[in-house]
Amino acid sequence: MAPVTNGRLLFKEIPTGYPVPGKTTVYDTSETIDLESVSLRGGSLVKVLVLSSDPYLRGRMRDVTIPSYSSAFPIGKPLDNLGVGVVLRSEDPAFKAGDHVYGTLPFEQYTIQGRGARLRVLKNEVKIPWSTYIGVCGMPGQTAYCAWKEYAFAKKGEVVFVTSGSGPVGATVIQLAKAEGLKVIASAGSDEKVAFIRSIGADVAFNYKKESTLEVLRKEGPIDIYWDNVGGETLEAAIDTATVGARFLVCGCISEYNGQPPYHVKNLNLIFAKELKISGFIIFNILAKYEEQFYAEIPKRVASGEIKYLEDVTRGLENAGQAILDVQKGLNKGKKVIVVAEA
């Protein structure tokens, strides 16, 4: 077989604000690959099918000398993130041709994964779309499921406030909380997103761009649990309206991801006055405890329709830069997935 183009999305420049497609990230077609004869060096040849665009990718677009919980993207190399691919050829006994695998994959059409690559073979016995395995049945769903079990200590009848409620993490939290008998208050940034979070069970759903978060929480709270994807002024409102001993699950702080000046929370003294329990977490540090339980439970609940999800699909790796920007600006409607190739 003649070599084929191996399209890649390269990280070219550290942004100062939002990542700019064609500048921060550049689609490159200069590389080719012979799928039949390329050396596997004991590993596997994987065709990338779908990749995830997540808020935390912005934090990886930094100088490699700056430490953080996730590695920085090297200039001139393909980005990488969680994705699903199919094995075309393999010299690794852990994988065989035809296996669908989930794990960290580069933003390129074909990739050679070394022997012992940390990829999970997906059985998909419930026959849900492969894209769900990077959304509600992947890292975002795991974030919601694992942290809820580890830190929420939820009790029937309590009140939870969930930010970014239409996203894959927030939407899953809403449905887990409703299934356990909690009252759910949830916010989103558009009327369309508000309609979605209401449709999946939120008792109080509001557009934070049109209504005051503090006023809504004062009316509908107080809150016993706060799921924070936002930080800033929203965190301040949650602290103000929290009960004594409330649990705060801090998942992200997107209000400060793209160079926006930080909002200085003014009521931090209430953390000790209300004896708040604040749990910041990184999913990869608690996943092992719940991973097998998650895969045994959540795909079945998704397949049955008990847990609903919303996807925003971008087709073509050449459009991945825009997909990354859309997530940073909150323009995505549900989980942003980048379909690189059909299964």
Foldseek 3Di string as FASTA:
>chain_A
DDWDWKKFKFQAAQDQFFQDEPHRIDIDRPDTDDPPDDDLQQFFKWFFFKFFFALCLLVLSDPQVDDDPDGHGDHGDFAKHWGKTATCCGNAPVDHGGFIWIDIDTLIRMDRDHHPRPIDGDPPPLDDDRQCCVFCVHDLVLVQVQCCVVFQPDAAAFEEEFEQCQARNNVNNQLVQVVRHYAYEYEAADPVSQVVSVVSPHPHYYHVVVDPLLVVCVVPDLHQEYEDAADAPNVLSNLVRHAQAHEYEYEHHLPPSGNDDGHDRDPPVSCVVSVYHYDYDDSVVRCVVCVVVSNVPRVVCDSVVSRDFDEFEAEASSCVSVLNSCNSVVVTRYTYMYGHDDD
